[in-house]
Amino acid sequence: MKRILSVAVALVMVLALGVCAFADDPLTLDNFGTSGWDSEYDAATKTITFSGAWTGRGWWIGTDAPMTGYEAITIEFEGGAAAAGQVVCEYTDGSESDVTTFAAGDASVTAVIKPDSPCSQIYVQIGGDPQPLVLKAVSMAAKGTSAPAETTDAADSPDTGIALAVIPAIIAIGAAAVSKKR
């Protein structure tokens, strides 16, 4: 009986970890900067430094397992965008890239993503003289939902992944208590 209970608890924990891994949006400020050219990203300060106009920095999702099922991504700028620019979503199926512009001073930009096209890369660019761009937050809207609402810094919002991880821990503690009584 203990062996079956142990296997059941282990299975629940593995399933919960799988849910936790996909509970949040696939693109975050923590994994920002995996794509780009002639620019740098400082993860500690969330600052993009561009070396010239129309250089870019963003997320490389990849062509082997491109992202689908999202309709929009909202990127918030700390203190407003330092310069006018754009967000570009590129696809692997030959679809034309989606380009969404923003103006200097804008607090955020919500870029369109074709939900049924495989997105391989999303990046931010600025035009004109290179200005550092400080990111505040990012959120995504899944297919069939409304555009992302205003978001807060990750430190201010609850982490659903951690909340979901508590459930198997409680089950494991309960299972251990039951097995000690027998």
C-alpha atoms as a PDB file:
ATOM      1  CA  MET A   1       0.000   0.000   0.000  1.00  0.00           C
ATOM      2  CA  LYS A   2       2.827   2.412   0.853  1.00  0.00           C
ATOM      3  CA  ARG A   3       4.454   1.761  -2.517  1.00  0.00           C
ATOM      4  CA  ILE A   4       1.215   2.531  -4.401  1.00  0.00           C
ATOM      5  CA  LEU A   5       0.716   5.664  -2.317  1.00  0.00           C
ATOM      6  CA  SER A   6       4.298   6.762  -2.999  1.00  0.00           C
ATOM      7  CA  VAL A   7       3.879   6.228  -6.737  1.00  0.00           C
ATOM      8  CA  ALA A   8       0.568   8.137  -6.702  1.00  0.00           C
ATOM      9  CA  VAL A   9       2.124  11.081  -4.840  1.00  0.00           C
ATOM     10  CA  ALA A  10       5.103  11.129  -7.217  1.00  0.00           C
ATOM     11  CA  LEU A  11       2.768  11.103 -10.227  1.00  0.00           C
ATOM     12  CA  VAL A  12       0.699  13.998  -8.842  1.00  0.00           C
ATOM     13  CA  MET A  13       3.862  16.009  -8.171  1.00  0.00           C
ATOM     14  CA  VAL A  14       5.207  15.430 -11.692  1.00  0.00           C
ATOM     15  CA  LEU A  15       1.881  16.468 -13.224  1.00  0.00           C
ATOM     16  CA  ALA A  16       1.748  19.572 -11.018  1.00  0.00           C
ATOM     17  CA  LEU A  17       5.270  20.565 -12.064  1.00  0.00           C
ATOM     18  CA  GLY A  18       4.226  20.221 -15.695  1.00  0.00           C
ATOM     19  CA  VAL A  19       1.253  22.513 -15.077  1.00  0.00           C
ATOM     20  CA  CYS A  20       3.487  24.985 -13.227  1.00  0.00           C
ATOM     21  CA  ALA A  21       5.925  25.149 -16.123  1.00  0.00           C
ATOM     22  CA  PHE A  22       3.161  26.260 -18.477  1.00  0.00           C
ATOM     23  CA  ALA A  23       1.011  28.236 -16.035  1.00  0.00           C
ATOM     24  CA  ASP A  24       2.554  31.571 -16.972  1.00  0.00           C
ATOM     25  CA  ASP A  25       3.039  33.302 -20.301  1.00  0.00           C
ATOM     26  CA  PRO A  26       5.856  31.851 -22.429  1.00  0.00           C
ATOM     27  CA  LEU A  27       7.480  35.261 -22.929  1.00  0.00           C
ATOM     28  CA  THR A  28       8.654  37.107 -19.848  1.00  0.00           C
ATOM     29  CA  LEU A  29      11.222  39.743 -18.959  1.00  0.00           C
ATOM     30  CA  ASP A  30      13.274  36.896 -17.452  1.00  0.00           C
ATOM     31  CA  ASN A  31      13.695  35.234 -20.867  1.00  0.00           C
ATOM     32  CA  PHE A  32      13.859  38.494 -22.863  1.00  0.00           C
ATOM     33  CA  GLY A  33      17.018  39.181 -24.858  1.00  0.00           C
ATOM     34  CA  THR A  34      17.432  35.775 -26.508  1.00  0.00           C
ATOM     35  CA  SER A  35      17.044  37.451 -29.905  1.00  0.00           C
ATOM     36  CA  GLY A  36      18.640  40.553 -31.316  1.00  0.00           C
ATOM     37  CA  TRP A  37      21.429  42.259 -33.170  1.00  0.00           C
ATOM     38  CA  ASP A  38      23.501  45.390 -32.574  1.00  0.00           C
ATOM     39  CA  SER A  39      21.887  45.807 -29.165  1.00  0.00           C
ATOM     40  CA  GLU A  40      22.279  44.563 -25.592  1.00  0.00           C
ATOM     41  CA  TYR A  41      19.879  43.721 -22.777  1.00  0.00           C
ATOM     42  CA  ASP A  42      20.707  44.157 -19.096  1.00  0.00           C
ATOM     43  CA  ALA A  43      18.367  41.768 -17.262  1.00  0.00           C
ATOM     44  CA  ALA A  44      19.083  43.367 -13.875  1.00  0.00           C
ATOM     45  CA  THR A  45      17.864  46.809 -14.966  1.00  0.00           C
ATOM     46  CA  LYS A  46      15.565  45.535 -17.773  1.00  0.00           C
ATOM     47  CA  THR A  47      17.270  47.995 -20.128  1.00  0.00           C
ATOM     48  CA  ILE A  48      17.772  47.554 -23.874  1.00  0.00           C
ATOM     49  CA  THR A  49      20.702  49.522 -25.287  1.00  0.00           C
ATOM     50  CA  PHE A  50      20.575  49.960 -29.063  1.00  0.00           C
ATOM     51  CA  SER A  51      23.680  50.791 -31.113  1.00  0.00           C
ATOM     52  CA  GLY A  52      21.710  52.406 -33.937  1.00  0.00           C
ATOM     53  CA  ALA A  53      18.296  52.974 -35.457  1.00  0.00           C
ATOM     54  CA  TRP A  54      16.236  49.859 -36.231  1.00  0.00           C
ATOM     55  CA  THR A  55      18.521  47.455 -34.412  1.00  0.00           C
ATOM     56  CA  GLY A  56      16.512  45.039 -32.292  1.00  0.00           C
ATOM     57  CA  ARG A  57      16.256  42.943 -29.147  1.00  0.00           C
ATOM     58  CA  GLY A  58      13.578  40.490 -28.073  1.00  0.00           C
ATOM     59  CA  TRP A  59      12.624  36.826 -27.806  1.00  0.00           C
ATOM     60  CA  TRP A  60      13.885  34.007 -30.031  1.00  0.00           C
ATOM     61  CA  ILE A  61      11.198  31.325 -29.852  1.00  0.00           C
ATOM     62  CA  GLY A  62      12.688  29.177 -32.580  1.00  0.00           C
ATOM     63  CA  THR A  63      11.677  27.440 -35.755  1.00  0.00           C
ATOM     64  CA  ASP A  64      11.689  23.912 -34.309  1.00  0.00           C
ATOM     65  CA  ALA A  65       8.832  24.609 -31.882  1.00  0.00           C
ATOM     66  CA  PRO A  66       7.347  28.001 -32.763  1.00  0.00           C
ATOM     67  CA  MET A  67       4.686  29.543 -30.539  1.00  0.00           C
ATOM     68  CA  THR A  68       1.004  29.510 -31.550  1.00  0.00           C
ATOM     69  CA  GLY A  69      -2.261  30.277 -29.787  1.00  0.00           C
ATOM     70  CA  TYR A  70      -1.573  33.882 -28.692  1.00  0.00           C
ATOM     71  CA  GLU A  71      -3.279  36.948 -30.199  1.00  0.00           C
ATOM     72  CA  ALA A  72      -1.351  39.794 -28.591  1.00  0.00           C
ATOM     73  CA  ILE A  73       1.608  40.763 -26.473  1.00  0.00           C
ATOM     74  CA  THR A  74       1.690  43.924 -24.344  1.00  0.00           C
ATOM     75  CA  ILE A  75       5.055  45.406 -23.437  1.00  0.00           C
ATOM     76  CA  GLU A  76       5.140  48.168 -20.813  1.00  0.00           C
ATOM     77  CA  PHE A  77       7.913  50.753 -20.665  1.00  0.00           C
ATOM     78  CA  GLU A  78       9.272  52.159 -17.394  1.00  0.00           C
ATOM     79  CA  GLY A  79       8.689  55.925 -17.508  1.00  0.00           C
ATOM     80  CA  GLY A  80       7.388  55.696 -21.090  1.00  0.00           C
ATOM     81  CA  ALA A  81       9.210  54.800 -24.293  1.00  0.00           C
ATOM     82  CA  ALA A  82      12.378  56.861 -24.706  1.00  0.00           C
ATOM     83  CA  ALA A  83      11.902  56.978 -28.491  1.00  0.00           C
ATOM     84  CA  ALA A  84       9.426  55.970 -31.180  1.00  0.00           C
ATOM     85  CA  GLY A  85       9.753  52.395 -32.365  1.00  0.00           C
ATOM     86  CA  GLN A  86       8.025  49.167 -33.217  1.00  0.00           C
ATOM     87  CA  VAL A  87       7.405  45.591 -32.119  1.00  0.00           C
ATOM     88  CA  VAL A  88       7.839  42.950 -34.841  1.00  0.00           C
ATOM     89  CA  CYS A  89       6.369  39.420 -34.749  1.00  0.00           C
ATOM     90  CA  GLU A  90       7.937  37.049 -37.314  1.00  0.00           C
ATOM     91  CA  TYR A  91       6.437  33.744 -38.482  1.00  0.00           C
ATOM     92  CA  THR A  92       7.901  30.520 -39.871  1.00  0.00           C
ATOM     93  CA  ASP A  93       5.046  29.695 -42.263  1.00  0.00           C
ATOM     94  CA  GLY A  94       5.826  32.513 -44.698  1.00  0.00           C
ATOM     95  CA  SER A  95       3.181  34.843 -43.258  1.00  0.00           C
ATOM     96  CA  GLU A  96       4.073  38.516 -43.424  1.00  0.00           C
ATOM     97  CA  SER A  97       5.513  39.830 -40.152  1.00  0.00           C
ATOM     98  CA  ASP A  98       3.196  41.850 -37.926  1.00  0.00           C
ATOM     99  CA  VAL A  99       4.591  45.296 -37.110  1.00  0.00           C
ATOM    100  CA  THR A 100       3.041  47.459 -34.366  1.00  0.00           C
ATOM    101  CA  THR A 101       4.405  50.968 -33.793  1.00  0.00           C
ATOM    102  CA  PHE A 102       4.658  53.022 -30.611  1.00  0.00           C
ATOM    103  CA  ALA A 103       5.457  56.704 -30.031  1.00  0.00           C
ATOM    104  CA  ALA A 104       8.033  58.285 -27.754  1.00  0.00           C
ATOM    105  CA  GLY A 105       6.464  58.631 -24.315  1.00  0.00           C
ATOM    106  CA  ASP A 106       3.972  55.752 -24.750  1.00  0.00           C
ATOM    107  CA  ALA A 107       3.532  53.778 -21.529  1.00  0.00           C
ATOM    108  CA  SER A 108       2.992  50.501 -23.418  1.00  0.00           C
ATOM    109  CA  VAL A 109       2.421  48.880 -26.781  1.00  0.00           C
ATOM    110  CA  THR A 110       0.097  45.967 -27.596  1.00  0.00           C
ATOM    111  CA  ALA A 111       1.318  44.072 -30.641  1.00  0.00           C
ATOM    112  CA  VAL A 112      -0.781  41.710 -32.727  1.00  0.00           C
ATOM    113  CA  ILE A 113       0.246  38.047 -33.065  1.00  0.00           C
ATOM    114  CA  LYS A 114      -1.432  35.780 -35.621  1.00  0.00           C
ATOM    115  CA  PRO A 115      -2.763  33.028 -33.299  1.00  0.00           C
ATOM    116  CA  ASP A 116      -2.806  30.320 -35.969  1.00  0.00           C
ATOM    117  CA  SER A 117       0.613  31.108 -37.462  1.00  0.00           C
ATOM    118  CA  PRO A 118       3.829  29.744 -35.927  1.00  0.00           C
ATOM    119  CA  CYS A 119       5.632  32.718 -34.354  1.00  0.00           C
ATOM    120  CA  SER A 120       9.410  32.262 -34.194  1.00  0.00           C
ATOM    121  CA  GLN A 121      10.611  35.656 -32.988  1.00  0.00           C
ATOM    122  CA  ILE A 122       9.293  38.849 -31.394  1.00  0.00           C
ATOM    123  CA  TYR A 123      11.546  41.878 -31.028  1.00  0.00           C
ATOM    124  CA  VAL A 124      11.543  45.597 -30.185  1.00  0.00           C
ATOM    125  CA  GLN A 125      13.206  48.260 -32.346  1.00  0.00           C
ATOM    126  CA  ILE A 126      13.539  52.037 -32.103  1.00  0.00           C
ATOM    127  CA  GLY A 127      14.035  54.542 -34.885  1.00  0.00           C
ATOM    128  CA  GLY A 128      16.220  57.634 -34.971  1.00  0.00           C
ATOM    129  CA  ASP A 129      19.011  58.200 -32.483  1.00  0.00           C
ATOM    130  CA  PRO A 130      19.614  55.194 -30.252  1.00  0.00           C
ATOM    131  CA  GLN A 131      17.960  55.647 -26.860  1.00  0.00           C
ATOM    132  CA  PRO A 132      17.981  53.110 -24.010  1.00  0.00           C
ATOM    133  CA  LEU A 133      14.579  51.540 -23.505  1.00  0.00           C
ATOM    134  CA  VAL A 134      13.634  50.323 -20.027  1.00  0.00           C
ATOM    135  CA  LEU A 135      11.019  47.567 -19.863  1.00  0.00           C
ATOM    136  CA  LYS A 136       8.552  47.386 -16.975  1.00  0.00           C
ATOM    137  CA  ALA A 137       6.355  44.349 -17.665  1.00  0.00           C
ATOM    138  CA  VAL A 138       5.076  42.019 -20.364  1.00  0.00           C
ATOM    139  CA  SER A 139       1.817  40.090 -20.696  1.00  0.00           C
ATOM    140  CA  MET A 140       0.184  37.997 -23.382  1.00  0.00           C
ATOM    141  CA  ALA A 141      -3.382  37.311 -24.527  1.00  0.00           C
ATOM    142  CA  ALA A 142      -4.221  33.757 -25.576  1.00  0.00           C
ATOM    143  CA  LYS A 143      -6.408  33.083 -28.601  1.00  0.00           C
ATOM    144  CA  GLY A 144     -10.045  33.834 -27.833  1.00  0.00           C
ATOM    145  CA  THR A 145      -9.353  36.186 -24.920  1.00  0.00           C
ATOM    146  CA  SER A 146      -9.408  39.943 -24.823  1.00  0.00           C
ATOM    147  CA  ALA A 147      -6.217  41.963 -25.182  1.00  0.00           C
ATOM    148  CA  PRO A 148      -3.948  41.889 -22.125  1.00  0.00           C
ATOM    149  CA  ALA A 149      -4.990  44.146 -19.287  1.00  0.00           C
ATOM    150  CA  GLU A 150      -2.589  46.569 -17.683  1.00  0.00           C
ATOM    151  CA  THR A 151       0.032  44.532 -15.879  1.00  0.00           C
ATOM    152  CA  THR A 152       2.212  45.151 -12.885  1.00  0.00           C
ATOM    153  CA  ASP A 153       5.803  44.336 -12.195  1.00  0.00           C
ATOM    154  CA  ALA A 154       6.289  40.618 -11.553  1.00  0.00           C
ATOM    155  CA  ALA A 155       7.266  41.393  -7.951  1.00  0.00           C
ATOM    156  CA  ASP A 156       3.799  42.895  -7.356  1.00  0.00           C
ATOM    157  CA  SER A 157       1.742  40.041  -8.790  1.00  0.00           C
ATOM    158  CA  PRO A 158       1.179  36.530  -7.473  1.00  0.00           C
ATOM    159  CA  ASP A 159       3.069  33.670  -9.113  1.00  0.00           C
ATOM    160  CA  THR A 160       0.513  31.078 -10.210  1.00  0.00           C
ATOM    161  CA  GLY A 161       3.271  28.526 -10.743  1.00  0.00           C
ATOM    162  CA  ILE A 162       4.218  28.640  -7.060  1.00  0.00           C
ATOM    163  CA  ALA A 163       0.552  28.538  -6.016  1.00  0.00           C
ATOM    164  CA  LEU A 164       0.000  25.406  -8.084  1.00  0.00           C
ATOM    165  CA  ALA A 165       3.104  23.779  -6.609  1.00  0.00           C
ATOM    166  CA  VAL A 166       1.599  24.018  -3.108  1.00  0.00           C
ATOM    167  CA  ILE A 167      -1.179  21.538  -3.964  1.00  0.00           C
ATOM    168  CA  PRO A 168       1.070  18.472  -4.440  1.00  0.00           C
ATOM    169  CA  ALA A 169       3.078  19.442  -1.359  1.00  0.00           C
ATOM    170  CA  ILE A 170      -0.096  19.353   0.744  1.00  0.00           C
ATOM    171  CA  ILE A 171      -1.049  16.003  -0.794  1.00  0.00           C
ATOM    172  CA  ALA A 172       2.417  14.605  -0.046  1.00  0.00           C
ATOM    173  CA  ILE A 173       2.236  15.751   3.590  1.00  0.00           C
ATOM    174  CA  GLY A 174      -1.229  14.208   3.938  1.00  0.00           C
ATOM    175  CA  ALA A 175      -0.038  10.941   2.376  1.00  0.00           C
ATOM    176  CA  ALA A 176       2.933  10.804   4.733  1.00  0.00           C
ATOM    177  CA  ALA A 177       0.657  11.356   7.717  1.00  0.00           C
ATOM    178  CA  VAL A 178      -1.708   8.584   6.601  1.00  0.00           C
ATOM    179  CA  SER A 179       1.150   6.134   5.993  1.00  0.00           C
ATOM    180  CA  LYS A 180       2.582   6.813   9.515  1.00  0.00           C
ATOM    181  CA  LYS A 181      -0.765   5.963  11.125  1.00  0.00           C
ATOM    182  CA  ARG A 182      -0.799   2.520   9.479  1.00  0.00           C
END
